[in-house]
Amino acid sequence: MPAMKHISGDVLGEKLPNMAELGPHAFLDDFATSDDAEKPMTAGLFRLEAGEAVTYDYTYHEFKLIIDGEFHVTDDTGQTVTATKGDLFYFPKGSVITFSSPSYGVGYFCGQRGEGEA
């Protein structure tokens, strides 16, 4: 039987690396990835600070739970949501999502992808 995995420490206090391809105000880190080679899952944190909006093409399914701050989220259908702590999103594979924030926002994500494939 497989054993559970525990990531010890304060993952919420971790300094997130910059996502240079999205700009100097976007940060992301993968904290854990499953061992399932066929259908991997990766979890981590995404932070966006005030600045230009960033657009991301999802090549995988992802859930994102807003844990702090505020995001303005727009999909390619034109639907726009102002998201705050406690809001949950599902981004289907193939979604094109634009994120912005008037100050900052932090989201916990779990995506069906391998580590570093964001």
PDB file of N, CA and C in Angstrom:
ATOM      1  N   MET A   1       0.832  -1.185   0.000  1.00  0.00           N
ATOM      2  CA  MET A   1       0.000   0.000   0.000  1.00  0.00           C
ATOM      3  C   MET A   1       0.881   1.255   0.000  1.00  0.00           C
ATOM      4  N   PRO A   2       0.577   2.221  -0.843  1.00  0.00           N
ATOM      5  CA  PRO A   2       1.384   3.449  -0.860  1.00  0.00           C
ATOM      6  C   PRO A   2       1.220   4.241   0.434  1.00  0.00           C
ATOM      7  N   ALA A   3       2.280   4.882   0.825  1.00  0.00           N
ATOM      8  CA  ALA A   3       2.261   5.722   2.030  1.00  0.00           C
ATOM      9  C   ALA A   3       1.962   7.168   1.654  1.00  0.00           C
ATOM     10  N   MET A   4       1.326   7.884   2.587  1.00  0.00           N
ATOM     11  CA  MET A   4       1.085   9.313   2.364  1.00  0.00           C
ATOM     12  C   MET A   4       2.413  10.061   2.380  1.00  0.00           C
ATOM     13  N   LYS A   5       2.410  11.265   1.851  1.00  0.00           N
ATOM     14  CA  LYS A   5       3.593  12.132   1.886  1.00  0.00           C
ATOM     15  C   LYS A   5       3.253  13.369   2.694  1.00  0.00           C
ATOM     16  N   HIS A   6       4.204  13.817   3.483  1.00  0.00           N
ATOM     17  CA  HIS A   6       4.028  15.016   4.307  1.00  0.00           C
ATOM     18  C   HIS A   6       5.133  15.998   3.957  1.00  0.00           C
ATOM     19  N   ILE A   7       4.767  17.194   3.582  1.00  0.00           N
ATOM     20  CA  ILE A   7       5.746  18.246   3.311  1.00  0.00           C
ATOM     21  C   ILE A   7       5.848  19.070   4.580  1.00  0.00           C
ATOM     22  N   SER A   8       6.947  18.924   5.274  1.00  0.00           N
ATOM     23  CA  SER A   8       7.139  19.579   6.563  1.00  0.00           C
ATOM     24  C   SER A   8       7.602  21.018   6.368  1.00  0.00           C
ATOM     25  N   GLY A   9       7.156  21.881   7.251  1.00  0.00           N
ATOM     26  CA  GLY A   9       7.595  23.271   7.201  1.00  0.00           C
ATOM     27  C   GLY A   9       6.473  24.209   6.823  1.00  0.00           C
ATOM     28  N   ASP A  10       6.805  25.446   6.687  1.00  0.00           N
ATOM     29  CA  ASP A  10       5.832  26.496   6.412  1.00  0.00           C
ATOM     30  C   ASP A  10       5.809  26.803   4.920  1.00  0.00           C
ATOM     31  N   VAL A  11       5.045  26.029   4.140  1.00  0.00           N
ATOM     32  CA  VAL A  11       5.009  26.276   2.694  1.00  0.00           C
ATOM     33  C   VAL A  11       4.405  27.637   2.374  1.00  0.00           C
ATOM     34  N   LEU A  12       3.531  28.145   3.245  1.00  0.00           N
ATOM     35  CA  LEU A  12       2.946  29.465   3.002  1.00  0.00           C
ATOM     36  C   LEU A  12       3.962  30.583   3.192  1.00  0.00           C
ATOM     37  N   GLY A  13       5.026  30.317   3.943  1.00  0.00           N
ATOM     38  CA  GLY A  13       6.052  31.323   4.183  1.00  0.00           C
ATOM     39  C   GLY A  13       7.213  31.259   3.203  1.00  0.00           C
ATOM     40  N   GLU A  14       7.163  30.317   2.271  1.00  0.00           N
ATOM     41  CA  GLU A  14       8.238  30.156   1.294  1.00  0.00           C
ATOM     42  C   GLU A  14       8.301  31.349   0.344  1.00  0.00           C
ATOM     43  N   LYS A  15       9.521  31.728  -0.034  1.00  0.00           N
ATOM     44  CA  LYS A  15       9.699  32.760  -1.064  1.00  0.00           C
ATOM     45  C   LYS A  15       9.529  32.071  -2.412  1.00  0.00           C
ATOM     46  N   LEU A  16       8.601  32.566  -3.213  1.00  0.00           N
ATOM     47  CA  LEU A  16       8.302  31.937  -4.495  1.00  0.00           C
ATOM     48  C   LEU A  16       9.212  32.475  -5.592  1.00  0.00           C
ATOM     49  N   PRO A  17       9.731  31.594  -6.456  1.00  0.00           N
ATOM     50  CA  PRO A  17      10.558  32.061  -7.569  1.00  0.00           C
ATOM     51  C   PRO A  17       9.731  32.804  -8.624  1.00  0.00           C
ATOM     52  N   ASN A  18      10.382  33.730  -9.282  1.00  0.00           N
ATOM     53  CA  ASN A  18       9.738  34.539 -10.318  1.00  0.00           C
ATOM     54  C   ASN A  18       9.440  33.698 -11.556  1.00  0.00           C
ATOM     55  N   MET A  19       8.278  33.949 -12.168  1.00  0.00           N
ATOM     56  CA  MET A  19       7.926  33.348 -13.467  1.00  0.00           C
ATOM     57  C   MET A  19       8.302  34.370 -14.536  1.00  0.00           C
ATOM     58  N   ALA A  20       9.544  34.403 -14.917  1.00  0.00           N
ATOM     59  CA  ALA A  20      10.064  35.438 -15.813  1.00  0.00           C
ATOM     60  C   ALA A  20       9.249  35.569 -17.095  1.00  0.00           C
ATOM     61  N   GLU A  21       8.724  34.437 -17.615  1.00  0.00           N
ATOM     62  CA  GLU A  21       7.974  34.498 -18.873  1.00  0.00           C
ATOM     63  C   GLU A  21       6.662  35.264 -18.737  1.00  0.00           C
ATOM     64  N   LEU A  22       6.162  35.447 -17.491  1.00  0.00           N
ATOM     65  CA  LEU A  22       4.923  36.200 -17.270  1.00  0.00           C
ATOM     66  C   LEU A  22       5.169  37.611 -16.755  1.00  0.00           C
ATOM     67  N   GLY A  23       6.412  37.938 -16.435  1.00  0.00           N
ATOM     68  CA  GLY A  23       6.719  39.283 -15.961  1.00  0.00           C
ATOM     69  C   GLY A  23       7.300  39.283 -14.561  1.00  0.00           C
ATOM     70  N   PRO A  24       7.825  40.433 -14.145  1.00  0.00           N
ATOM     71  CA  PRO A  24       8.523  40.520 -12.860  1.00  0.00           C
ATOM     72  C   PRO A  24       7.599  40.456 -11.645  1.00  0.00           C
ATOM     73  N   HIS A  25       6.285  40.475 -11.843  1.00  0.00           N
ATOM     74  CA  HIS A  25       5.348  40.500 -10.717  1.00  0.00           C
ATOM     75  C   HIS A  25       4.561  39.195 -10.565  1.00  0.00           C
ATOM     76  N   ALA A  26       5.009  38.110 -11.251  1.00  0.00           N
ATOM     77  CA  ALA A  26       4.354  36.802 -11.169  1.00  0.00           C
ATOM     78  C   ALA A  26       5.328  35.783 -10.589  1.00  0.00           C
ATOM     79  N   PHE A  27       4.846  34.999  -9.619  1.00  0.00           N
ATOM     80  CA  PHE A  27       5.692  34.051  -8.895  1.00  0.00           C
ATOM     81  C   PHE A  27       4.960  32.717  -8.755  1.00  0.00           C
ATOM     82  N   LEU A  28       5.702  31.607  -8.831  1.00  0.00           N
ATOM     83  CA  LEU A  28       5.092  30.285  -8.724  1.00  0.00           C
ATOM     84  C   LEU A  28       6.115  29.285  -8.224  1.00  0.00           C
ATOM     85  N   ASP A  29       5.650  28.333  -7.397  1.00  0.00           N
ATOM     86  CA  ASP A  29       6.512  27.232  -6.980  1.00  0.00           C
ATOM     87  C   ASP A  29       5.677  25.970  -6.860  1.00  0.00           C
ATOM     88  N   ASP A  30       6.210  24.867  -7.401  1.00  0.00           N
ATOM     89  CA  ASP A  30       5.614  23.547  -7.239  1.00  0.00           C
ATOM     90  C   ASP A  30       6.166  22.950  -5.950  1.00  0.00           C
ATOM     91  N   PHE A  31       5.280  22.601  -5.010  1.00  0.00           N
ATOM     92  CA  PHE A  31       5.716  22.051  -3.727  1.00  0.00           C
ATOM     93  C   PHE A  31       5.689  20.531  -3.689  1.00  0.00           C
ATOM     94  N   ALA A  32       4.773  19.920  -4.430  1.00  0.00           N
ATOM     95  CA  ALA A  32       4.630  18.465  -4.377  1.00  0.00           C
ATOM     96  C   ALA A  32       4.084  17.957  -5.701  1.00  0.00           C
ATOM     97  N   THR A  33       4.582  16.786  -6.114  1.00  0.00           N
ATOM     98  CA  THR A  33       4.115  16.139  -7.332  1.00  0.00           C
ATOM     99  C   THR A  33       3.882  14.667  -7.039  1.00  0.00           C
ATOM    100  N   SER A  34       2.800  14.122  -7.576  1.00  0.00           N
ATOM    101  CA  SER A  34       2.496  12.703  -7.375  1.00  0.00           C
ATOM    102  C   SER A  34       3.500  11.837  -8.134  1.00  0.00           C
ATOM    103  N   ASP A  35       3.508  10.551  -7.801  1.00  0.00           N
ATOM    104  CA  ASP A  35       4.389   9.596  -8.472  1.00  0.00           C
ATOM    105  C   ASP A  35       3.724   8.930  -9.673  1.00  0.00           C
ATOM    106  N   ASP A  36       2.501   9.316  -9.997  1.00  0.00           N
ATOM    107  CA  ASP A  36       1.750   8.711 -11.094  1.00  0.00           C
ATOM    108  C   ASP A  36       2.261   9.261 -12.426  1.00  0.00           C
ATOM    109  N   ALA A  37       2.995   8.446 -13.161  1.00  0.00           N
ATOM    110  CA  ALA A  37       3.594   8.903 -14.421  1.00  0.00           C
ATOM    111  C   ALA A  37       2.545   9.153 -15.504  1.00  0.00           C
ATOM    112  N   GLU A  38       1.424   8.418 -15.478  1.00  0.00           N
ATOM    113  CA  GLU A  38       0.393   8.579 -16.503  1.00  0.00           C
ATOM    114  C   GLU A  38      -0.481   9.804 -16.279  1.00  0.00           C
ATOM    115  N   LYS A  39      -0.833  10.067 -15.028  1.00  0.00           N
ATOM    116  CA  LYS A  39      -1.700  11.199 -14.693  1.00  0.00           C
ATOM    117  C   LYS A  39      -1.134  11.927 -13.477  1.00  0.00           C
ATOM    118  N   PRO A  40      -0.014  12.616 -13.649  1.00  0.00           N
ATOM    119  CA  PRO A  40       0.598  13.300 -12.503  1.00  0.00           C
ATOM    120  C   PRO A  40      -0.267  14.448 -11.995  1.00  0.00           C
ATOM    121  N   MET A  41      -0.085  14.762 -10.735  1.00  0.00           N
ATOM    122  CA  MET A  41      -0.727  15.928 -10.112  1.00  0.00           C
ATOM    123  C   MET A  41       0.361  16.719  -9.413  1.00  0.00           C
ATOM    124  N   THR A  42       0.301  18.038  -9.542  1.00  0.00           N
ATOM    125  CA  THR A  42       1.281  18.909  -8.906  1.00  0.00           C
ATOM    126  C   THR A  42       0.551  20.007  -8.156  1.00  0.00           C
ATOM    127  N   ALA A  43       1.032  20.278  -6.935  1.00  0.00           N
ATOM    128  CA  ALA A  43       0.429  21.314  -6.088  1.00  0.00           C
ATOM    129  C   ALA A  43       1.480  22.349  -5.735  1.00  0.00           C
ATOM    130  N   GLY A  44       1.028  23.587  -5.543  1.00  0.00           N
ATOM    131  CA  GLY A  44       1.945  24.654  -5.166  1.00  0.00           C
ATOM    132  C   GLY A  44       1.218  25.969  -4.990  1.00  0.00           C
ATOM    133  N   LEU A  45       1.990  27.053  -5.026  1.00  0.00           N
ATOM    134  CA  LEU A  45       1.441  28.391  -4.836  1.00  0.00           C
ATOM    135  C   LEU A  45       1.769  29.293  -6.019  1.00  0.00           C
ATOM    136  N   PHE A  46       0.819  30.167  -6.334  1.00  0.00           N
ATOM    137  CA  PHE A  46       0.979  31.192  -7.363  1.00  0.00           C
ATOM    138  C   PHE A  46       0.698  32.534  -6.702  1.00  0.00           C
ATOM    139  N   ARG A  47       1.590  33.494  -6.918  1.00  0.00           N
ATOM    140  CA  ARG A  47       1.408  34.847  -6.383  1.00  0.00           C
ATOM    141  C   ARG A  47       1.536  35.838  -7.532  1.00  0.00           C
ATOM    142  N   LEU A  48       0.628  36.810  -7.540  1.00  0.00           N
ATOM    143  CA  LEU A  48       0.687  37.870  -8.539  1.00  0.00           C
ATOM    144  C   LEU A  48       0.583  39.196  -7.817  1.00  0.00           C
ATOM    145  N   GLU A  49       1.509  40.093  -8.110  1.00  0.00           N
ATOM    146  CA  GLU A  49       1.484  41.433  -7.526  1.00  0.00           C
ATOM    147  C   GLU A  49       0.910  42.406  -8.557  1.00  0.00           C
ATOM    148  N   ALA A  50       0.572  43.599  -8.110  1.00  0.00           N
ATOM    149  CA  ALA A  50       0.014  44.616  -9.006  1.00  0.00           C
ATOM    150  C   ALA A  50       0.963  44.849 -10.178  1.00  0.00           C
ATOM    151  N   GLY A  51       0.393  45.057 -11.333  1.00  0.00           N
ATOM    152  CA  GLY A  51       1.169  45.276 -12.548  1.00  0.00           C
ATOM    153  C   GLY A  51       0.312  44.907 -13.736  1.00  0.00           C
ATOM    154  N   GLU A  52       0.951  44.707 -14.871  1.00  0.00           N
ATOM    155  CA  GLU A  52       0.216  44.333 -16.078  1.00  0.00           C
ATOM    156  C   GLU A  52      -0.435  42.971 -15.896  1.00  0.00           C
ATOM    157  N   ALA A  53      -1.594  42.795 -16.520  1.00  0.00           N
ATOM    158  CA  ALA A  53      -2.274  41.500 -16.502  1.00  0.00           C
ATOM    159  C   ALA A  53      -1.395  40.456 -17.195  1.00  0.00           C
ATOM    160  N   VAL A  54      -1.510  39.203 -16.745  1.00  0.00           N
ATOM    161  CA  VAL A  54      -0.775  38.099 -17.356  1.00  0.00           C
ATOM    162  C   VAL A  54      -1.784  37.076 -17.881  1.00  0.00           C
ATOM    163  N   THR A  55      -1.486  36.519 -19.035  1.00  0.00           N
ATOM    164  CA  THR A  55      -2.362  35.521 -19.650  1.00  0.00           C
ATOM    165  C   THR A  55      -1.639  34.186 -19.687  1.00  0.00           C
ATOM    166  N   TYR A  56      -2.375  33.130 -19.317  1.00  0.00           N
ATOM    167  CA  TYR A  56      -1.798  31.790 -19.254  1.00  0.00           C
ATOM    168  C   TYR A  56      -2.683  30.816 -20.021  1.00  0.00           C
ATOM    169  N   ASP A  57      -2.065  30.007 -20.879  1.00  0.00           N
ATOM    170  CA  ASP A  57      -2.764  28.956 -21.624  1.00  0.00           C
ATOM    171  C   ASP A  57      -2.621  27.652 -20.844  1.00  0.00           C
ATOM    172  N   TYR A  58      -3.732  27.131 -20.357  1.00  0.00           N
ATOM    173  CA  TYR A  58      -3.706  25.889 -19.578  1.00  0.00           C
ATOM    174  C   TYR A  58      -3.669  24.682 -20.511  1.00  0.00           C
ATOM    175  N   THR A  59      -2.575  23.935 -20.457  1.00  0.00           N
ATOM    176  CA  THR A  59      -2.427  22.704 -21.236  1.00  0.00           C
ATOM    177  C   THR A  59      -2.775  21.491 -20.378  1.00  0.00           C
ATOM    178  N   TYR A  60      -3.368  21.730 -19.219  1.00  0.00           N
ATOM    179  CA  TYR A  60      -3.731  20.698 -18.246  1.00  0.00           C
ATOM    180  C   TYR A  60      -4.904  21.230 -17.421  1.00  0.00           C
ATOM    181  N   HIS A  61      -5.592  20.342 -16.717  1.00  0.00           N
ATOM    182  CA  HIS A  61      -6.679  20.740 -15.814  1.00  0.00           C
ATOM    183  C   HIS A  61      -6.075  21.263 -14.510  1.00  0.00           C
ATOM    184  N   GLU A  62      -6.698  22.304 -13.936  1.00  0.00           N
ATOM    185  CA  GLU A  62      -6.191  22.837 -12.666  1.00  0.00           C
ATOM    186  C   GLU A  62      -7.330  23.381 -11.808  1.00  0.00           C
ATOM    187  N   PHE A  63      -7.192  23.164 -10.495  1.00  0.00           N
ATOM    188  CA  PHE A  63      -8.016  23.840  -9.496  1.00  0.00           C
ATOM    189  C   PHE A  63      -7.137  24.882  -8.826  1.00  0.00           C
ATOM    190  N   LYS A  64      -7.703  26.069  -8.541  1.00  0.00           N
ATOM    191  CA  LYS A  64      -6.958  27.114  -7.836  1.00  0.00           C
ATOM    192  C   LYS A  64      -7.854  27.685  -6.746  1.00  0.00           C
ATOM    193  N   LEU A  65      -7.367  27.625  -5.498  1.00  0.00           N
ATOM    194  CA  LEU A  65      -8.057  28.166  -4.332  1.00  0.00           C
ATOM    195  C   LEU A  65      -7.371  29.465  -3.933  1.00  0.00           C
ATOM    196  N   ILE A  66      -8.119  30.555  -3.898  1.00  0.00           N
ATOM    197  CA  ILE A  66      -7.544  31.845  -3.510  1.00  0.00           C
ATOM    198  C   ILE A  66      -7.396  31.846  -1.988  1.00  0.00           C
ATOM    199  N   ILE A  67      -6.160  32.054  -1.527  1.00  0.00           N
ATOM    200  CA  ILE A  67      -5.908  31.998  -0.083  1.00  0.00           C
ATOM    201  C   ILE A  67      -5.570  33.355   0.523  1.00  0.00           C
ATOM    202  N   ASP A  68      -5.308  34.355  -0.327  1.00  0.00           N
ATOM    203  CA  ASP A  68      -5.012  35.692   0.195  1.00  0.00           C
ATOM    204  C   ASP A  68      -5.106  36.703  -0.949  1.00  0.00           C
ATOM    205  N   GLY A  69      -5.424  37.934  -0.597  1.00  0.00           N
ATOM    206  CA  GLY A  69      -5.430  39.011  -1.576  1.00  0.00           C
ATOM    207  C   GLY A  69      -6.622  38.969  -2.515  1.00  0.00           C
ATOM    208  N   GLU A  70      -6.414  39.536  -3.706  1.00  0.00           N
ATOM    209  CA  GLU A  70      -7.496  39.663  -4.693  1.00  0.00           C
ATOM    210  C   GLU A  70      -6.957  39.465  -6.101  1.00  0.00           C
ATOM    211  N   PHE A  71      -7.669  38.667  -6.871  1.00  0.00           N
ATOM    212  CA  PHE A  71      -7.376  38.473  -8.288  1.00  0.00           C
ATOM    213  C   PHE A  71      -8.561  38.945  -9.107  1.00  0.00           C
ATOM    214  N   HIS A  72      -8.293  39.471 -10.294  1.00  0.00           N
ATOM    215  CA  HIS A  72      -9.313  39.668 -11.314  1.00  0.00           C
ATOM    216  C   HIS A  72      -8.997  38.617 -12.372  1.00  0.00           C
ATOM    217  N   VAL A  73      -9.953  37.728 -12.619  1.00  0.00           N
ATOM    218  CA  VAL A  73      -9.728  36.566 -13.474  1.00  0.00           C
ATOM    219  C   VAL A  73     -10.702  36.622 -14.652  1.00  0.00           C
ATOM    220  N   THR A  74     -10.164  36.537 -15.870  1.00  0.00           N
ATOM    221  CA  THR A  74     -10.982  36.573 -17.082  1.00  0.00           C
ATOM    222  C   THR A  74     -10.635  35.376 -17.951  1.00  0.00           C
ATOM    223  N   ASP A  75     -11.675  34.688 -18.449  1.00  0.00           N
ATOM    224  CA  ASP A  75     -11.405  33.583 -19.369  1.00  0.00           C
ATOM    225  C   ASP A  75     -11.621  34.041 -20.813  1.00  0.00           C
ATOM    226  N   ASP A  76     -11.330  33.145 -21.756  1.00  0.00           N
ATOM    227  CA  ASP A  76     -11.407  33.544 -23.162  1.00  0.00           C
ATOM    228  C   ASP A  76     -12.838  33.629 -23.693  1.00  0.00           C
ATOM    229  N   THR A  77     -13.842  33.370 -22.829  1.00  0.00           N
ATOM    230  CA  THR A  77     -15.236  33.612 -23.223  1.00  0.00           C
ATOM    231  C   THR A  77     -15.665  35.027 -22.857  1.00  0.00           C
ATOM    232  N   GLY A  78     -14.794  35.740 -22.100  1.00  0.00           N
ATOM    233  CA  GLY A  78     -15.115  37.088 -21.649  1.00  0.00           C
ATOM    234  C   GLY A  78     -15.652  37.151 -20.232  1.00  0.00           C
ATOM    235  N   GLN A  79     -15.887  35.983 -19.616  1.00  0.00           N
ATOM    236  CA  GLN A  79     -16.352  35.946 -18.231  1.00  0.00           C
ATOM    237  C   GLN A  79     -15.259  36.508 -17.320  1.00  0.00           C
ATOM    238  N   THR A  80     -15.611  37.451 -16.440  1.00  0.00           N
ATOM    239  CA  THR A  80     -14.662  38.056 -15.508  1.00  0.00           C
ATOM    240  C   THR A  80     -15.182  37.911 -14.088  1.00  0.00           C
ATOM    241  N   VAL A  81     -14.280  37.543 -13.171  1.00  0.00           N
ATOM    242  CA  VAL A  81     -14.621  37.361 -11.763  1.00  0.00           C
ATOM    243  C   VAL A  81     -13.597  38.098 -10.919  1.00  0.00           C
ATOM    244  N   THR A  82     -14.067  38.808  -9.890  1.00  0.00           N
ATOM    245  CA  THR A  82     -13.178  39.338  -8.861  1.00  0.00           C
ATOM    246  C   THR A  82     -13.139  38.293  -7.759  1.00  0.00           C
ATOM    247  N   ALA A  83     -11.956  37.732  -7.515  1.00  0.00           N
ATOM    248  CA  ALA A  83     -11.807  36.614  -6.588  1.00  0.00           C
ATOM    249  C   ALA A  83     -11.049  37.032  -5.339  1.00  0.00           C
ATOM    250  N   THR A  84     -11.539  36.578  -4.195  1.00  0.00           N
ATOM    251  CA  THR A  84     -10.895  36.844  -2.910  1.00  0.00           C
ATOM    252  C   THR A  84     -10.784  35.540  -2.124  1.00  0.00           C
ATOM    253  N   LYS A  85     -10.177  35.629  -0.960  1.00  0.00           N
ATOM    254  CA  LYS A  85      -9.906  34.476  -0.099  1.00  0.00           C
ATOM    255  C   LYS A  85     -11.128  33.561   0.009  1.00  0.00           C
ATOM    256  N   GLY A  86     -10.904  32.282  -0.268  1.00  0.00           N
ATOM    257  CA  GLY A  86     -11.960  31.285  -0.177  1.00  0.00           C
ATOM    258  C   GLY A  86     -12.605  30.930  -1.501  1.00  0.00           C
ATOM    259  N   ASP A  87     -12.374  31.722  -2.548  1.00  0.00           N
ATOM    260  CA  ASP A  87     -12.944  31.410  -3.863  1.00  0.00           C
ATOM    261  C   ASP A  87     -12.144  30.289  -4.523  1.00  0.00           C
ATOM    262  N   LEU A  88     -12.855  29.398  -5.206  1.00  0.00           N
ATOM    263  CA  LEU A  88     -12.233  28.249  -5.864  1.00  0.00           C
ATOM    264  C   LEU A  88     -12.545  28.285  -7.356  1.00  0.00           C
ATOM    265  N   PHE A  89     -11.523  28.031  -8.172  1.00  0.00           N
ATOM    266  CA  PHE A  89     -11.674  27.985  -9.624  1.00  0.00           C
ATOM    267  C   PHE A  89     -11.318  26.602 -10.141  1.00  0.00           C
ATOM    268  N   TYR A  90     -11.959  26.219 -11.241  1.00  0.00           N
ATOM    269  CA  TYR A  90     -11.542  25.076 -12.041  1.00  0.00           C
ATOM    270  C   TYR A  90     -11.252  25.610 -13.440  1.00  0.00           C
ATOM    271  N   PHE A  91     -10.020  25.410 -13.901  1.00  0.00           N
ATOM    272  CA  PHE A  91      -9.620  25.809 -15.244  1.00  0.00           C
ATOM    273  C   PHE A  91      -9.457  24.537 -16.080  1.00  0.00           C
ATOM    274  N   PRO A  92     -10.389  24.263 -16.996  1.00  0.00           N
ATOM    275  CA  PRO A  92     -10.265  23.068 -17.831  1.00  0.00           C
ATOM    276  C   PRO A  92      -9.064  23.173 -18.777  1.00  0.00           C
ATOM    277  N   LYS A  93      -8.532  22.027 -19.130  1.00  0.00           N
ATOM    278  CA  LYS A  93      -7.465  21.966 -20.125  1.00  0.00           C
ATOM    279  C   LYS A  93      -7.928  22.702 -21.378  1.00  0.00           C
ATOM    280  N   GLY A  94      -7.084  23.579 -21.916  1.00  0.00           N
ATOM    281  CA  GLY A  94      -7.424  24.375 -23.094  1.00  0.00           C
ATOM    282  C   GLY A  94      -7.900  25.778 -22.770  1.00  0.00           C
ATOM    283  N   SER A  95      -8.117  26.071 -21.473  1.00  0.00           N
ATOM    284  CA  SER A  95      -8.549  27.415 -21.069  1.00  0.00           C
ATOM    285  C   SER A  95      -7.436  28.426 -21.294  1.00  0.00           C
ATOM    286  N   VAL A  96      -7.831  29.636 -21.650  1.00  0.00           N
ATOM    287  CA  VAL A  96      -6.907  30.765 -21.719  1.00  0.00           C
ATOM    288  C   VAL A  96      -7.404  31.749 -20.670  1.00  0.00           C
ATOM    289  N   ILE A  97      -6.597  31.953 -19.624  1.00  0.00           N
ATOM    290  CA  ILE A  97      -7.015  32.723 -18.456  1.00  0.00           C
ATOM    291  C   ILE A  97      -6.099  33.930 -18.281  1.00  0.00           C
ATOM    292  N   THR A  98      -6.698  35.087 -18.027  1.00  0.00           N
ATOM    293  CA  THR A  98      -5.940  36.308 -17.752  1.00  0.00           C
ATOM    294  C   THR A  98      -6.132  36.678 -16.291  1.00  0.00           C
ATOM    295  N   PHE A  99      -5.009  36.884 -15.604  1.00  0.00           N
ATOM    296  CA  PHE A  99      -4.995  37.248 -14.192  1.00  0.00           C
ATOM    297  C   PHE A  99      -4.463  38.667 -14.035  1.00  0.00           C
ATOM    298  N   SER A 100      -5.052  39.420 -13.111  1.00  0.00           N
ATOM    299  CA  SER A 100      -4.490  40.698 -12.681  1.00  0.00           C
ATOM    300  C   SER A 100      -4.865  40.887 -11.222  1.00  0.00           C
ATOM    301  N   SER A 101      -4.224  41.869 -10.585  1.00  0.00           N
ATOM    302  CA  SER A 101      -4.526  42.167  -9.189  1.00  0.00           C
ATOM    303  C   SER A 101      -4.279  43.650  -8.934  1.00  0.00           C
ATOM    304  N   PRO A 102      -5.182  44.291  -8.172  1.00  0.00           N
ATOM    305  CA  PRO A 102      -4.957  45.695  -7.836  1.00  0.00           C
ATOM    306  C   PRO A 102      -3.863  45.866  -6.783  1.00  0.00           C
ATOM    307  N   SER A 103      -3.546  44.802  -6.053  1.00  0.00           N
ATOM    308  CA  SER A 103      -2.509  44.854  -5.015  1.00  0.00           C
ATOM    309  C   SER A 103      -1.658  43.587  -5.082  1.00  0.00           C
ATOM    310  N   TYR A 104      -2.232  42.450  -4.691  1.00  0.00           N
ATOM    311  CA  TYR A 104      -1.576  41.149  -4.800  1.00  0.00           C
ATOM    312  C   TYR A 104      -2.630  40.069  -4.601  1.00  0.00           C
ATOM    313  N   GLY A 105      -2.323  38.880  -5.031  1.00  0.00           N
ATOM    314  CA  GLY A 105      -3.181  37.726  -4.795  1.00  0.00           C
ATOM    315  C   GLY A 105      -2.319  36.489  -4.683  1.00  0.00           C
ATOM    316  N   VAL A 106      -2.765  35.536  -3.850  1.00  0.00           N
ATOM    317  CA  VAL A 106      -2.056  34.267  -3.683  1.00  0.00           C
ATOM    318  C   VAL A 106      -3.067  33.143  -3.864  1.00  0.00           C
ATOM    319  N   GLY A 107      -2.711  32.168  -4.692  1.00  0.00           N
ATOM    320  CA  GLY A 107      -3.574  31.025  -4.924  1.00  0.00           C
ATOM    321  C   GLY A 107      -2.822  29.723  -4.738  1.00  0.00           C
ATOM    322  N   TYR A 108      -3.488  28.765  -4.065  1.00  0.00           N
ATOM    323  CA  TYR A 108      -2.980  27.393  -3.972  1.00  0.00           C
ATOM    324  C   TYR A 108      -3.543  26.651  -5.175  1.00  0.00           C
ATOM    325  N   PHE A 109      -2.713  25.922  -5.892  1.00  0.00           N
ATOM    326  CA  PHE A 109      -3.192  25.204  -7.066  1.00  0.00           C
ATOM    327  C   PHE A 109      -2.885  23.720  -6.971  1.00  0.00           C
ATOM    328  N   CYS A 110      -3.693  22.945  -7.661  1.00  0.00           N
ATOM    329  CA  CYS A 110      -3.445  21.525  -7.874  1.00  0.00           C
ATOM    330  C   CYS A 110      -3.784  21.251  -9.330  1.00  0.00           C
ATOM    331  N   GLY A 111      -2.758  20.924 -10.110  1.00  0.00           N
ATOM    332  CA  GLY A 111      -2.938  20.738 -11.540  1.00  0.00           C
ATOM    333  C   GLY A 111      -2.549  19.347 -11.996  1.00  0.00           C
ATOM    334  N   GLN A 112      -3.169  18.885 -13.065  1.00  0.00           N
ATOM    335  CA  GLN A 112      -2.870  17.567 -13.615  1.00  0.00           C
ATOM    336  C   GLN A 112      -1.703  17.698 -14.596  1.00  0.00           C
ATOM    337  N   ARG A 113      -0.518  17.850 -14.005  1.00  0.00           N
ATOM    338  CA  ARG A 113       0.713  18.017 -14.783  1.00  0.00           C
ATOM    339  C   ARG A 113       1.889  17.571 -13.939  1.00  0.00           C
ATOM    340  N   GLY A 114       3.043  17.404 -14.557  1.00  0.00           N
ATOM    341  CA  GLY A 114       4.252  17.061 -13.837  1.00  0.00           C
ATOM    342  C   GLY A 114       4.909  18.291 -13.234  1.00  0.00           C
ATOM    343  N   GLU A 115       5.887  18.053 -12.389  1.00  0.00           N
ATOM    344  CA  GLU A 115       6.611  19.151 -11.741  1.00  0.00           C
ATOM    345  C   GLU A 115       7.330  19.995 -12.789  1.00  0.00           C
ATOM    346  N   GLY A 116       7.223  21.318 -12.658  1.00  0.00           N
ATOM    347  CA  GLY A 116       7.915  22.236 -13.547  1.00  0.00           C
ATOM    348  C   GLY A 116       7.307  22.380 -14.931  1.00  0.00           C
ATOM    349  N   GLU A 117       6.128  21.812 -15.154  1.00  0.00           N
ATOM    350  CA  GLU A 117       5.499  21.879 -16.475  1.00  0.00           C
ATOM    351  C   GLU A 117       4.524  23.043 -16.614  1.00  0.00           C
ATOM    352  N   ALA A 118       4.589  24.017 -15.707  1.00  0.00           N
ATOM    353  CA  ALA A 118       3.690  25.186 -15.786  1.00  0.00           C
ATOM    354  C   ALA A 118       4.220  26.166 -16.805  1.00  0.00           C
TER     355      ALA A 118
END
